[in-house]
Amino acid sequence: MTPQQTIMIVDDNVVNLRLASDVLEIEGFTVLRCMDAENALAVLEYILPNLILMDVALPGMDGLQLTRKLKADTRTKEIKIIALTAFAMKGDQEKMFAAGCDGYITKPIDTRKFKAQITPYL
């Protein structure tokens, strides 16, 4: 891993956003914080991160809709997207993969394992 790697986190929960961001920044990543899909799309006009951690339950356009949109766009389709969600019921993981997510991490995150969970996608 190089310190120049950039990770976008899209999560409307301030506590979850801050915790994940802080853990990754301590590990040397540059972190882009977005509270909703619209903000993420605006940032993606200027910066393409190495990885996106996507909350599924976002206000307005949800994380799965945003993932489908990004995977359909030639400019962003190669960015790896990991669903970062509290949804852990049977069938939820399949929905996330069907939308185009490359991986799945349940919340709350385990701060000791978080870097190891995302590293394979970088």
PDB file of N, CA and C in Angstrom:
ATOM      1  N   MET A   1       0.837  -1.185   0.000  1.00  0.00           N
ATOM      2  CA  MET A   1       0.000   0.000   0.000  1.00  0.00           C
ATOM      3  C   MET A   1       0.877   1.242   0.000  1.00  0.00           C
ATOM      4  N   THR A   2       0.503   2.204  -0.796  1.00  0.00           N
ATOM      5  CA  THR A   2       1.210   3.472  -0.793  1.00  0.00           C
ATOM      6  C   THR A   2       0.336   4.520  -0.114  1.00  0.00           C
ATOM      7  N   PRO A   3       0.949   5.520   0.519  1.00  0.00           N
ATOM      8  CA  PRO A   3       0.162   6.537   1.213  1.00  0.00           C
ATOM      9  C   PRO A   3      -0.732   7.359   0.288  1.00  0.00           C
ATOM     10  N   GLN A   4      -0.488   7.315  -1.007  1.00  0.00           N
ATOM     11  CA  GLN A   4      -1.258   8.114  -1.941  1.00  0.00           C
ATOM     12  C   GLN A   4      -2.633   7.499  -2.249  1.00  0.00           C
ATOM     13  N   GLN A   5      -2.899   6.318  -1.774  1.00  0.00           N
ATOM     14  CA  GLN A   5      -4.181   5.707  -2.095  1.00  0.00           C
ATOM     15  C   GLN A   5      -5.325   6.478  -1.442  1.00  0.00           C
ATOM     16  N   THR A   6      -6.391   6.668  -2.239  1.00  0.00           N
ATOM     17  CA  THR A   6      -7.529   7.459  -1.795  1.00  0.00           C
ATOM     18  C   THR A   6      -8.755   6.560  -1.676  1.00  0.00           C
ATOM     19  N   ILE A   7      -9.447   6.701  -0.569  1.00  0.00           N
ATOM     20  CA  ILE A   7     -10.664   5.936  -0.317  1.00  0.00           C
ATOM     21  C   ILE A   7     -11.797   6.914  -0.065  1.00  0.00           C
ATOM     22  N   MET A   8     -12.910   6.707  -0.775  1.00  0.00           N
ATOM     23  CA  MET A   8     -14.117   7.497  -0.537  1.00  0.00           C
ATOM     24  C   MET A   8     -15.033   6.691   0.379  1.00  0.00           C
ATOM     25  N   ILE A   9     -15.537   7.346   1.401  1.00  0.00           N
ATOM     26  CA  ILE A   9     -16.537   6.726   2.271  1.00  0.00           C
ATOM     27  C   ILE A   9     -17.833   7.509   2.100  1.00  0.00           C
ATOM     28  N   VAL A  10     -18.904   6.793   1.756  1.00  0.00           N
ATOM     29  CA  VAL A  10     -20.212   7.416   1.593  1.00  0.00           C
ATOM     30  C   VAL A  10     -21.105   6.850   2.701  1.00  0.00           C
ATOM     31  N   ASP A  11     -21.412   7.679   3.696  1.00  0.00           N
ATOM     32  CA  ASP A  11     -22.214   7.229   4.838  1.00  0.00           C
ATOM     33  C   ASP A  11     -22.895   8.450   5.455  1.00  0.00           C
ATOM     34  N   ASP A  12     -24.193   8.365   5.667  1.00  0.00           N
ATOM     35  CA  ASP A  12     -24.932   9.493   6.231  1.00  0.00           C
ATOM     36  C   ASP A  12     -24.884   9.540   7.755  1.00  0.00           C
ATOM     37  N   ASN A  13     -24.319   8.519   8.383  1.00  0.00           N
ATOM     38  CA  ASN A  13     -24.188   8.506   9.834  1.00  0.00           C
ATOM     39  C   ASN A  13     -22.830   9.105  10.197  1.00  0.00           C
ATOM     40  N   VAL A  14     -22.860  10.260  10.858  1.00  0.00           N
ATOM     41  CA  VAL A  14     -21.640  11.000  11.165  1.00  0.00           C
ATOM     42  C   VAL A  14     -20.668  10.166  12.003  1.00  0.00           C
ATOM     43  N   VAL A  15     -21.183   9.417  12.973  1.00  0.00           N
ATOM     44  CA  VAL A  15     -20.322   8.615  13.844  1.00  0.00           C
ATOM     45  C   VAL A  15     -19.622   7.524  13.036  1.00  0.00           C
ATOM     46  N   ASN A  16     -20.374   6.800  12.201  1.00  0.00           N
ATOM     47  CA  ASN A  16     -19.787   5.746  11.373  1.00  0.00           C
ATOM     48  C   ASN A  16     -18.772   6.321  10.387  1.00  0.00           C
ATOM     49  N   LEU A  17     -19.112   7.440   9.786  1.00  0.00           N
ATOM     50  CA  LEU A  17     -18.236   8.095   8.814  1.00  0.00           C
ATOM     51  C   LEU A  17     -16.920   8.506   9.474  1.00  0.00           C
ATOM     52  N   ARG A  18     -17.024   9.087  10.631  1.00  0.00           N
ATOM     53  CA  ARG A  18     -15.826   9.555  11.329  1.00  0.00           C
ATOM     54  C   ARG A  18     -14.955   8.392  11.791  1.00  0.00           C
ATOM     55  N   LEU A  19     -15.566   7.345  12.327  1.00  0.00           N
ATOM     56  CA  LEU A  19     -14.799   6.199  12.814  1.00  0.00           C
ATOM     57  C   LEU A  19     -14.022   5.544  11.665  1.00  0.00           C
ATOM     58  N   ALA A  20     -14.710   5.234  10.574  1.00  0.00           N
ATOM     59  CA  ALA A  20     -14.046   4.592   9.429  1.00  0.00           C
ATOM     60  C   ALA A  20     -12.961   5.504   8.863  1.00  0.00           C
ATOM     61  N   SER A  21     -13.263   6.785   8.733  1.00  0.00           N
ATOM     62  CA  SER A  21     -12.291   7.747   8.202  1.00  0.00           C
ATOM     63  C   SER A  21     -11.056   7.832   9.088  1.00  0.00           C
ATOM     64  N   ASP A  22     -11.271   7.946  10.388  1.00  0.00           N
ATOM     65  CA  ASP A  22     -10.150   8.071  11.317  1.00  0.00           C
ATOM     66  C   ASP A  22      -9.245   6.846  11.262  1.00  0.00           C
ATOM     67  N   VAL A  23      -9.836   5.657  11.232  1.00  0.00           N
ATOM     68  CA  VAL A  23      -9.044   4.423  11.167  1.00  0.00           C
ATOM     69  C   VAL A  23      -8.191   4.404   9.898  1.00  0.00           C
ATOM     70  N   LEU A  24      -8.789   4.765   8.768  1.00  0.00           N
ATOM     71  CA  LEU A  24      -8.060   4.729   7.498  1.00  0.00           C
ATOM     72  C   LEU A  24      -7.005   5.828   7.399  1.00  0.00           C
ATOM     73  N   GLU A  25      -7.299   6.995   7.929  1.00  0.00           N
ATOM     74  CA  GLU A  25      -6.311   8.079   7.909  1.00  0.00           C
ATOM     75  C   GLU A  25      -5.096   7.729   8.764  1.00  0.00           C
ATOM     76  N   ILE A  26      -5.323   7.077   9.891  1.00  0.00           N
ATOM     77  CA  ILE A  26      -4.218   6.626  10.744  1.00  0.00           C
ATOM     78  C   ILE A  26      -3.335   5.633   9.979  1.00  0.00           C
ATOM     79  N   GLU A  27      -3.951   4.854   9.107  1.00  0.00           N
ATOM     80  CA  GLU A  27      -3.214   3.872   8.300  1.00  0.00           C
ATOM     81  C   GLU A  27      -2.532   4.498   7.087  1.00  0.00           C
ATOM     82  N   GLY A  28      -2.703   5.815   6.884  1.00  0.00           N
ATOM     83  CA  GLY A  28      -2.007   6.495   5.814  1.00  0.00           C
ATOM     84  C   GLY A  28      -2.800   6.732   4.539  1.00  0.00           C
ATOM     85  N   PHE A  29      -4.070   6.397   4.546  1.00  0.00           N
ATOM     86  CA  PHE A  29      -4.911   6.631   3.376  1.00  0.00           C
ATOM     87  C   PHE A  29      -5.395   8.080   3.346  1.00  0.00           C
ATOM     88  N   THR A  30      -5.647   8.575   2.146  1.00  0.00           N
ATOM     89  CA  THR A  30      -6.363   9.830   1.980  1.00  0.00           C
ATOM     90  C   THR A  30      -7.836   9.457   1.934  1.00  0.00           C
ATOM     91  N   VAL A  31      -8.663  10.123   2.720  1.00  0.00           N
ATOM     92  CA  VAL A  31     -10.081   9.759   2.809  1.00  0.00           C
ATOM     93  C   VAL A  31     -10.960  10.912   2.339  1.00  0.00           C
ATOM     94  N   LEU A  32     -11.877  10.591   1.437  1.00  0.00           N
ATOM     95  CA  LEU A  32     -12.902  11.529   0.980  1.00  0.00           C
ATOM     96  C   LEU A  32     -14.185  11.155   1.702  1.00  0.00           C
ATOM     97  N   ARG A  33     -14.774  12.094   2.428  1.00  0.00           N
ATOM     98  CA  ARG A  33     -15.986  11.829   3.217  1.00  0.00           C
ATOM     99  C   ARG A  33     -17.192  12.423   2.513  1.00  0.00           C
ATOM    100  N   CYS A  34     -18.200  11.583   2.270  1.00  0.00           N
ATOM    101  CA  CYS A  34     -19.434  12.040   1.628  1.00  0.00           C
ATOM    102  C   CYS A  34     -20.627  11.558   2.444  1.00  0.00           C
ATOM    103  N   MET A  35     -21.591  12.459   2.641  1.00  0.00           N
ATOM    104  CA  MET A  35     -22.763  12.141   3.455  1.00  0.00           C
ATOM    105  C   MET A  35     -23.933  11.574   2.653  1.00  0.00           C
ATOM    106  N   ASP A  36     -23.905  11.711   1.322  1.00  0.00           N
ATOM    107  CA  ASP A  36     -24.999  11.180   0.510  1.00  0.00           C
ATOM    108  C   ASP A  36     -24.520  10.950  -0.915  1.00  0.00           C
ATOM    109  N   ALA A  37     -25.367  10.343  -1.727  1.00  0.00           N
ATOM    110  CA  ALA A  37     -25.022   9.995  -3.102  1.00  0.00           C
ATOM    111  C   ALA A  37     -24.734  11.225  -3.944  1.00  0.00           C
ATOM    112  N   GLU A  38     -25.500  12.266  -3.759  1.00  0.00           N
ATOM    113  CA  GLU A  38     -25.330  13.475  -4.554  1.00  0.00           C
ATOM    114  C   GLU A  38     -23.964  14.113  -4.296  1.00  0.00           C
ATOM    115  N   ASN A  39     -23.563  14.146  -3.029  1.00  0.00           N
ATOM    116  CA  ASN A  39     -22.244  14.676  -2.677  1.00  0.00           C
ATOM    117  C   ASN A  39     -21.142  13.797  -3.278  1.00  0.00           C
ATOM    118  N   ALA A  40     -21.321  12.490  -3.217  1.00  0.00           N
ATOM    119  CA  ALA A  40     -20.338  11.561  -3.789  1.00  0.00           C
ATOM    120  C   ALA A  40     -20.192  11.788  -5.292  1.00  0.00           C
ATOM    121  N   LEU A  41     -21.301  11.937  -5.989  1.00  0.00           N
ATOM    122  CA  LEU A  41     -21.256  12.177  -7.437  1.00  0.00           C
ATOM    123  C   LEU A  41     -20.534  13.480  -7.759  1.00  0.00           C
ATOM    124  N   ALA A  42     -20.764  14.499  -6.947  1.00  0.00           N
ATOM    125  CA  ALA A  42     -20.102  15.790  -7.165  1.00  0.00           C
ATOM    126  C   ALA A  42     -18.586  15.657  -6.979  1.00  0.00           C
ATOM    127  N   VAL A  43     -18.156  14.949  -5.956  1.00  0.00           N
ATOM    128  CA  VAL A  43     -16.725  14.748  -5.708  1.00  0.00           C
ATOM    129  C   VAL A  43     -16.107  13.907  -6.827  1.00  0.00           C
ATOM    130  N   LEU A  44     -16.830  12.890  -7.296  1.00  0.00           N
ATOM    131  CA  LEU A  44     -16.315  12.008  -8.349  1.00  0.00           C
ATOM    132  C   LEU A  44     -16.125  12.718  -9.689  1.00  0.00           C
ATOM    133  N   GLU A  45     -16.710  13.890  -9.841  1.00  0.00           N
ATOM    134  CA  GLU A  45     -16.470  14.683 -11.048  1.00  0.00           C
ATOM    135  C   GLU A  45     -15.013  15.137 -11.103  1.00  0.00           C
ATOM    136  N   TYR A  46     -14.373  15.275  -9.940  1.00  0.00           N
ATOM    137  CA  TYR A  46     -13.025  15.825  -9.851  1.00  0.00           C
ATOM    138  C   TYR A  46     -11.961  14.828  -9.398  1.00  0.00           C
ATOM    139  N   ILE A  47     -12.359  13.867  -8.576  1.00  0.00           N
ATOM    140  CA  ILE A  47     -11.399  12.921  -7.999  1.00  0.00           C
ATOM    141  C   ILE A  47     -11.951  11.502  -8.141  1.00  0.00           C
ATOM    142  N   LEU A  48     -11.106  10.590  -8.645  1.00  0.00           N
ATOM    143  CA  LEU A  48     -11.478   9.180  -8.720  1.00  0.00           C
ATOM    144  C   LEU A  48     -10.661   8.420  -7.675  1.00  0.00           C
ATOM    145  N   PRO A  49     -11.325   7.936  -6.631  1.00  0.00           N
ATOM    146  CA  PRO A  49     -10.608   7.222  -5.570  1.00  0.00           C
ATOM    147  C   PRO A  49     -10.213   5.811  -6.017  1.00  0.00           C
ATOM    148  N   ASN A  50      -9.337   5.193  -5.239  1.00  0.00           N
ATOM    149  CA  ASN A  50      -8.945   3.810  -5.497  1.00  0.00           C
ATOM    150  C   ASN A  50     -10.034   2.839  -5.056  1.00  0.00           C
ATOM    151  N   LEU A  51     -10.850   3.259  -4.087  1.00  0.00           N
ATOM    152  CA  LEU A  51     -11.855   2.388  -3.487  1.00  0.00           C
ATOM    153  C   LEU A  51     -12.983   3.243  -2.929  1.00  0.00           C
ATOM    154  N   ILE A  52     -14.201   2.712  -2.978  1.00  0.00           N
ATOM    155  CA  ILE A  52     -15.353   3.381  -2.353  1.00  0.00           C
ATOM    156  C   ILE A  52     -15.963   2.429  -1.333  1.00  0.00           C
ATOM    157  N   LEU A  53     -16.149   2.927  -0.121  1.00  0.00           N
ATOM    158  CA  LEU A  53     -16.884   2.203   0.918  1.00  0.00           C
ATOM    159  C   LEU A  53     -18.275   2.817   0.954  1.00  0.00           C
ATOM    160  N   MET A  54     -19.274   2.020   0.616  1.00  0.00           N
ATOM    161  CA  MET A  54     -20.619   2.521   0.343  1.00  0.00           C
ATOM    162  C   MET A  54     -21.646   2.029   1.360  1.00  0.00           C
ATOM    163  N   ASP A  55     -22.195   2.966   2.115  1.00  0.00           N
ATOM    164  CA  ASP A  55     -23.336   2.636   2.970  1.00  0.00           C
ATOM    165  C   ASP A  55     -24.516   2.335   2.051  1.00  0.00           C
ATOM    166  N   VAL A  56     -25.323   1.374   2.403  1.00  0.00           N
ATOM    167  CA  VAL A  56     -26.464   1.017   1.562  1.00  0.00           C
ATOM    168  C   VAL A  56     -27.656   1.926   1.834  1.00  0.00           C
ATOM    169  N   ALA A  57     -27.914   2.219   3.108  1.00  0.00           N
ATOM    170  CA  ALA A  57     -29.089   3.012   3.485  1.00  0.00           C
ATOM    171  C   ALA A  57     -28.743   4.493   3.522  1.00  0.00           C
ATOM    172  N   LEU A  58     -28.761   5.123   2.360  1.00  0.00           N
ATOM    173  CA  LEU A  58     -28.511   6.559   2.266  1.00  0.00           C
ATOM    174  C   LEU A  58     -29.821   7.294   2.013  1.00  0.00           C
ATOM    175  N   PRO A  59     -29.919   8.553   2.430  1.00  0.00           N
ATOM    176  CA  PRO A  59     -31.119   9.334   2.101  1.00  0.00           C
ATOM    177  C   PRO A  59     -31.135   9.652   0.610  1.00  0.00           C
ATOM    178  N   GLY A  60     -32.307   9.775   0.036  1.00  0.00           N
ATOM    179  CA  GLY A  60     -32.396  10.052  -1.407  1.00  0.00           C
ATOM    180  C   GLY A  60     -31.984   8.820  -2.180  1.00  0.00           C
ATOM    181  N   MET A  61     -31.009   8.961  -3.081  1.00  0.00           N
ATOM    182  CA  MET A  61     -30.493   7.822  -3.829  1.00  0.00           C
ATOM    183  C   MET A  61     -29.733   6.920  -2.860  1.00  0.00           C
ATOM    184  N   ASP A  62     -30.152   5.655  -2.750  1.00  0.00           N
ATOM    185  CA  ASP A  62     -29.470   4.776  -1.798  1.00  0.00           C
ATOM    186  C   ASP A  62     -28.157   4.253  -2.381  1.00  0.00           C
ATOM    187  N   GLY A  63     -27.391   3.572  -1.546  1.00  0.00           N
ATOM    188  CA  GLY A  63     -26.072   3.100  -1.941  1.00  0.00           C
ATOM    189  C   GLY A  63     -26.077   2.109  -3.090  1.00  0.00           C
ATOM    190  N   LEU A  64     -27.110   1.270  -3.169  1.00  0.00           N
ATOM    191  CA  LEU A  64     -27.165   0.312  -4.271  1.00  0.00           C
ATOM    192  C   LEU A  64     -27.478   1.007  -5.590  1.00  0.00           C
ATOM    193  N   GLN A  65     -28.352   2.016  -5.553  1.00  0.00           N
ATOM    194  CA  GLN A  65     -28.632   2.800  -6.766  1.00  0.00           C
ATOM    195  C   GLN A  65     -27.367   3.521  -7.227  1.00  0.00           C
ATOM    196  N   LEU A  66     -26.646   4.100  -6.289  1.00  0.00           N
ATOM    197  CA  LEU A  66     -25.412   4.801  -6.635  1.00  0.00           C
ATOM    198  C   LEU A  66     -24.379   3.827  -7.195  1.00  0.00           C
ATOM    199  N   THR A  67     -24.274   2.652  -6.600  1.00  0.00           N
ATOM    200  CA  THR A  67     -23.332   1.645  -7.098  1.00  0.00           C
ATOM    201  C   THR A  67     -23.669   1.270  -8.538  1.00  0.00           C
ATOM    202  N   ARG A  68     -24.951   1.016  -8.817  1.00  0.00           N
ATOM    203  CA  ARG A  68     -25.356   0.685 -10.198  1.00  0.00           C
ATOM    204  C   ARG A  68     -24.975   1.807 -11.163  1.00  0.00           C
ATOM    205  N   LYS A  69     -25.205   3.031 -10.739  1.00  0.00           N
ATOM    206  CA  LYS A  69     -24.890   4.194 -11.578  1.00  0.00           C
ATOM    207  C   LYS A  69     -23.387   4.277 -11.849  1.00  0.00           C
ATOM    208  N   LEU A  70     -22.570   4.069 -10.821  1.00  0.00           N
ATOM    209  CA  LEU A  70     -21.125   4.154 -10.987  1.00  0.00           C
ATOM    210  C   LEU A  70     -20.582   3.016 -11.842  1.00  0.00           C
ATOM    211  N   LYS A  71     -21.138   1.830 -11.675  1.00  0.00           N
ATOM    212  CA  LYS A  71     -20.670   0.676 -12.452  1.00  0.00           C
ATOM    213  C   LYS A  71     -21.113   0.764 -13.917  1.00  0.00           C
ATOM    214  N   ALA A  72     -22.145   1.550 -14.199  1.00  0.00           N
ATOM    215  CA  ALA A  72     -22.619   1.733 -15.577  1.00  0.00           C
ATOM    216  C   ALA A  72     -21.867   2.843 -16.307  1.00  0.00           C
ATOM    217  N   ASP A  73     -21.104   3.638 -15.575  1.00  0.00           N
ATOM    218  CA  ASP A  73     -20.383   4.773 -16.148  1.00  0.00           C
ATOM    219  C   ASP A  73     -18.958   4.334 -16.494  1.00  0.00           C
ATOM    220  N   THR A  74     -18.540   4.532 -17.739  1.00  0.00           N
ATOM    221  CA  THR A  74     -17.203   4.092 -18.165  1.00  0.00           C
ATOM    222  C   THR A  74     -16.093   4.755 -17.352  1.00  0.00           C
ATOM    223  N   ARG A  75     -16.316   5.947 -16.860  1.00  0.00           N
ATOM    224  CA  ARG A  75     -15.304   6.673 -16.094  1.00  0.00           C
ATOM    225  C   ARG A  75     -15.087   6.093 -14.697  1.00  0.00           C
ATOM    226  N   THR A  76     -16.144   5.528 -14.099  1.00  0.00           N
ATOM    227  CA  THR A  76     -16.054   5.060 -12.709  1.00  0.00           C
ATOM    228  C   THR A  76     -16.239   3.552 -12.548  1.00  0.00           C
ATOM    229  N   LYS A  77     -16.497   2.843 -13.622  1.00  0.00           N
ATOM    230  CA  LYS A  77     -16.861   1.421 -13.494  1.00  0.00           C
ATOM    231  C   LYS A  77     -15.753   0.535 -12.920  1.00  0.00           C
ATOM    232  N   GLU A  78     -14.498   0.954 -13.055  1.00  0.00           N
ATOM    233  CA  GLU A  78     -13.389   0.138 -12.558  1.00  0.00           C
ATOM    234  C   GLU A  78     -13.086   0.350 -11.073  1.00  0.00           C
ATOM    235  N   ILE A  79     -13.694   1.369 -10.470  1.00  0.00           N
ATOM    236  CA  ILE A  79     -13.457   1.615  -9.042  1.00  0.00           C
ATOM    237  C   ILE A  79     -14.115   0.493  -8.236  1.00  0.00           C
ATOM    238  N   LYS A  80     -13.340  -0.112  -7.365  1.00  0.00           N
ATOM    239  CA  LYS A  80     -13.880  -1.158  -6.487  1.00  0.00           C
ATOM    240  C   LYS A  80     -14.801  -0.505  -5.458  1.00  0.00           C
ATOM    241  N   ILE A  81     -15.945  -1.146  -5.239  1.00  0.00           N
ATOM    242  CA  ILE A  81     -16.926  -0.636  -4.273  1.00  0.00           C
ATOM    243  C   ILE A  81     -17.230  -1.733  -3.265  1.00  0.00           C
ATOM    244  N   ILE A  82     -17.064  -1.411  -1.994  1.00  0.00           N
ATOM    245  CA  ILE A  82     -17.400  -2.341  -0.917  1.00  0.00           C
ATOM    246  C   ILE A  82     -18.613  -1.797  -0.190  1.00  0.00           C
ATOM    247  N   ALA A  83     -19.648  -2.617  -0.095  1.00  0.00           N
ATOM    248  CA  ALA A  83     -20.818  -2.236   0.700  1.00  0.00           C
ATOM    249  C   ALA A  83     -20.407  -2.239   2.171  1.00  0.00           C
ATOM    250  N   LEU A  84     -20.707  -1.156   2.847  1.00  0.00           N
ATOM    251  CA  LEU A  84     -20.409  -1.004   4.266  1.00  0.00           C
ATOM    252  C   LEU A  84     -21.752  -0.770   4.936  1.00  0.00           C
ATOM    253  N   THR A  85     -22.307  -1.827   5.528  1.00  0.00           N
ATOM    254  CA  THR A  85     -23.711  -1.740   5.908  1.00  0.00           C
ATOM    255  C   THR A  85     -24.062  -2.528   7.156  1.00  0.00           C
ATOM    256  N   ALA A  86     -25.130  -2.104   7.792  1.00  0.00           N
ATOM    257  CA  ALA A  86     -25.672  -2.834   8.939  1.00  0.00           C
ATOM    258  C   ALA A  86     -26.606  -3.947   8.474  1.00  0.00           C
ATOM    259  N   PHE A  87     -26.951  -3.974   7.184  1.00  0.00           N
ATOM    260  CA  PHE A  87     -27.836  -5.021   6.656  1.00  0.00           C
ATOM    261  C   PHE A  87     -27.092  -6.341   6.593  1.00  0.00           C
ATOM    262  N   ALA A  88     -27.495  -7.280   7.430  1.00  0.00           N
ATOM    263  CA  ALA A  88     -26.817  -8.568   7.466  1.00  0.00           C
ATOM    264  C   ALA A  88     -27.814  -9.722   7.457  1.00  0.00           C
ATOM    265  N   MET A  89     -28.984  -9.477   6.891  1.00  0.00           N
ATOM    266  CA  MET A  89     -30.000 -10.522   6.817  1.00  0.00           C
ATOM    267  C   MET A  89     -29.735 -11.417   5.613  1.00  0.00           C
ATOM    268  N   LYS A  90     -30.343 -12.585   5.634  1.00  0.00           N
ATOM    269  CA  LYS A  90     -30.188 -13.513   4.525  1.00  0.00           C
ATOM    270  C   LYS A  90     -30.664 -12.835   3.229  1.00  0.00           C
ATOM    271  N   GLY A  91     -29.854 -12.906   2.203  1.00  0.00           N
ATOM    272  CA  GLY A  91     -30.203 -12.317   0.917  1.00  0.00           C
ATOM    273  C   GLY A  91     -29.642 -10.920   0.700  1.00  0.00           C
ATOM    274  N   ASP A  92     -29.265 -10.217   1.773  1.00  0.00           N
ATOM    275  CA  ASP A  92     -28.740  -8.860   1.628  1.00  0.00           C
ATOM    276  C   ASP A  92     -27.426  -8.844   0.853  1.00  0.00           C
ATOM    277  N   GLN A  93     -26.545  -9.789   1.157  1.00  0.00           N
ATOM    278  CA  GLN A  93     -25.253  -9.829   0.482  1.00  0.00           C
ATOM    279  C   GLN A  93     -25.436 -10.039  -1.026  1.00  0.00           C
ATOM    280  N   GLU A  94     -26.354 -10.904  -1.398  1.00  0.00           N
ATOM    281  CA  GLU A  94     -26.616 -11.164  -2.818  1.00  0.00           C
ATOM    282  C   GLU A  94     -27.124  -9.908  -3.520  1.00  0.00           C
ATOM    283  N   LYS A  95     -27.974  -9.128  -2.844  1.00  0.00           N
ATOM    284  CA  LYS A  95     -28.478  -7.876  -3.424  1.00  0.00           C
ATOM    285  C   LYS A  95     -27.338  -6.897  -3.682  1.00  0.00           C
ATOM    286  N   MET A  96     -26.391  -6.857  -2.764  1.00  0.00           N
ATOM    287  CA  MET A  96     -25.266  -5.933  -2.910  1.00  0.00           C
ATOM    288  C   MET A  96     -24.358  -6.344  -4.065  1.00  0.00           C
ATOM    289  N   PHE A  97     -24.095  -7.636  -4.192  1.00  0.00           N
ATOM    290  CA  PHE A  97     -23.279  -8.106  -5.309  1.00  0.00           C
ATOM    291  C   PHE A  97     -24.016  -7.918  -6.631  1.00  0.00           C
ATOM    292  N   ALA A  98     -25.322  -8.137  -6.630  1.00  0.00           N
ATOM    293  CA  ALA A  98     -26.112  -7.953  -7.854  1.00  0.00           C
ATOM    294  C   ALA A  98     -26.097  -6.494  -8.311  1.00  0.00           C
ATOM    295  N   ALA A  99     -25.999  -5.565  -7.363  1.00  0.00           N
ATOM    296  CA  ALA A  99     -25.951  -4.131  -7.706  1.00  0.00           C
ATOM    297  C   ALA A  99     -24.579  -3.722  -8.235  1.00  0.00           C
ATOM    298  N   GLY A 100     -23.574  -4.588  -8.045  1.00  0.00           N
ATOM    299  CA  GLY A 100     -22.244  -4.282  -8.548  1.00  0.00           C
ATOM    300  C   GLY A 100     -21.179  -4.117  -7.483  1.00  0.00           C
ATOM    301  N   CYS A 101     -21.541  -4.299  -6.224  1.00  0.00           N
ATOM    302  CA  CYS A 101     -20.540  -4.196  -5.163  1.00  0.00           C
ATOM    303  C   CYS A 101     -19.517  -5.317  -5.328  1.00  0.00           C
ATOM    304  N   ASP A 102     -18.267  -4.988  -5.056  1.00  0.00           N
ATOM    305  CA  ASP A 102     -17.179  -5.960  -5.173  1.00  0.00           C
ATOM    306  C   ASP A 102     -16.934  -6.692  -3.866  1.00  0.00           C
ATOM    307  N   GLY A 103     -17.440  -6.148  -2.775  1.00  0.00           N
ATOM    308  CA  GLY A 103     -17.253  -6.750  -1.462  1.00  0.00           C
ATOM    309  C   GLY A 103     -18.307  -6.257  -0.501  1.00  0.00           C
ATOM    310  N   TYR A 104     -18.221  -6.739   0.743  1.00  0.00           N
ATOM    311  CA  TYR A 104     -19.279  -6.529   1.734  1.00  0.00           C
ATOM    312  C   TYR A 104     -18.666  -6.559   3.125  1.00  0.00           C
ATOM    313  N   ILE A 105     -18.837  -5.503   3.888  1.00  0.00           N
ATOM    314  CA  ILE A 105     -18.380  -5.452   5.274  1.00  0.00           C
ATOM    315  C   ILE A 105     -19.559  -4.983   6.118  1.00  0.00           C
ATOM    316  N   THR A 106     -19.829  -5.716   7.204  1.00  0.00           N
ATOM    317  CA  THR A 106     -20.949  -5.329   8.060  1.00  0.00           C
ATOM    318  C   THR A 106     -20.490  -4.315   9.107  1.00  0.00           C
ATOM    319  N   LYS A 107     -21.440  -3.459   9.487  1.00  0.00           N
ATOM    320  CA  LYS A 107     -21.220  -2.487  10.559  1.00  0.00           C
ATOM    321  C   LYS A 107     -21.847  -3.042  11.822  1.00  0.00           C
ATOM    322  N   PRO A 108     -21.345  -2.688  12.963  1.00  0.00           N
ATOM    323  CA  PRO A 108     -20.226  -1.777  13.160  1.00  0.00           C
ATOM    324  C   PRO A 108     -18.907  -2.421  12.725  1.00  0.00           C
ATOM    325  N   ILE A 109     -17.993  -1.581  12.222  1.00  0.00           N
ATOM    326  CA  ILE A 109     -16.718  -2.112  11.771  1.00  0.00           C
ATOM    327  C   ILE A 109     -15.874  -2.536  12.962  1.00  0.00           C
ATOM    328  N   ASP A 110     -15.005  -3.499  12.740  1.00  0.00           N
ATOM    329  CA  ASP A 110     -14.018  -3.910  13.741  1.00  0.00           C
ATOM    330  C   ASP A 110     -12.746  -3.134  13.392  1.00  0.00           C
ATOM    331  N   THR A 111     -12.420  -2.143  14.185  1.00  0.00           N
ATOM    332  CA  THR A 111     -11.299  -1.257  13.859  1.00  0.00           C
ATOM    333  C   THR A 111      -9.973  -2.007  13.764  1.00  0.00           C
ATOM    334  N   ARG A 112      -9.851  -3.141  14.441  1.00  0.00           N
ATOM    335  CA  ARG A 112      -8.606  -3.914  14.395  1.00  0.00           C
ATOM    336  C   ARG A 112      -8.468  -4.695  13.098  1.00  0.00           C
ATOM    337  N   LYS A 113      -9.596  -5.022  12.456  1.00  0.00           N
ATOM    338  CA  LYS A 113      -9.575  -5.831  11.228  1.00  0.00           C
ATOM    339  C   LYS A 113      -9.871  -5.026   9.967  1.00  0.00           C
ATOM    340  N   PHE A 114     -10.254  -3.772  10.125  1.00  0.00           N
ATOM    341  CA  PHE A 114     -10.777  -2.978   9.009  1.00  0.00           C
ATOM    342  C   PHE A 114      -9.787  -2.859   7.847  1.00  0.00           C
ATOM    343  N   LYS A 115      -8.542  -2.504   8.150  1.00  0.00           N
ATOM    344  CA  LYS A 115      -7.549  -2.367   7.087  1.00  0.00           C
ATOM    345  C   LYS A 115      -7.373  -3.689   6.341  1.00  0.00           C
ATOM    346  N   ALA A 116      -7.282  -4.782   7.064  1.00  0.00           N
ATOM    347  CA  ALA A 116      -7.104  -6.096   6.437  1.00  0.00           C
ATOM    348  C   ALA A 116      -8.315  -6.473   5.567  1.00  0.00           C
ATOM    349  N   GLN A 117      -9.495  -6.009   5.964  1.00  0.00           N
ATOM    350  CA  GLN A 117     -10.701  -6.298   5.178  1.00  0.00           C
ATOM    351  C   GLN A 117     -10.716  -5.580   3.849  1.00  0.00           C
ATOM    352  N   ILE A 118     -10.172  -4.359   3.786  1.00  0.00           N
ATOM    353  CA  ILE A 118     -10.236  -3.595   2.541  1.00  0.00           C
ATOM    354  C   ILE A 118      -9.000  -3.754   1.661  1.00  0.00           C
ATOM    355  N   THR A 119      -7.865  -4.117   2.254  1.00  0.00           N
ATOM    356  CA  THR A 119      -6.608  -4.205   1.509  1.00  0.00           C
ATOM    357  C   THR A 119      -6.693  -5.064   0.239  1.00  0.00           C
ATOM    358  N   PRO A 120      -7.377  -6.220   0.252  1.00  0.00           N
ATOM    359  CA  PRO A 120      -7.438  -7.033  -0.978  1.00  0.00           C
ATOM    360  C   PRO A 120      -8.075  -6.307  -2.165  1.00  0.00           C
ATOM    361  N   TYR A 121      -8.844  -5.265  -1.922  1.00  0.00           N
ATOM    362  CA  TYR A 121      -9.545  -4.547  -2.990  1.00  0.00           C
ATOM    363  C   TYR A 121      -8.706  -3.406  -3.571  1.00  0.00           C
ATOM    364  N   LEU A 122      -7.554  -3.144  -2.965  1.00  0.00           N
ATOM    365  CA  LEU A 122      -6.702  -2.041  -3.430  1.00  0.00           C
ATOM    366  C   LEU A 122      -5.624  -2.532  -4.385  1.00  0.00           C
TER     367      LEU A 122
END
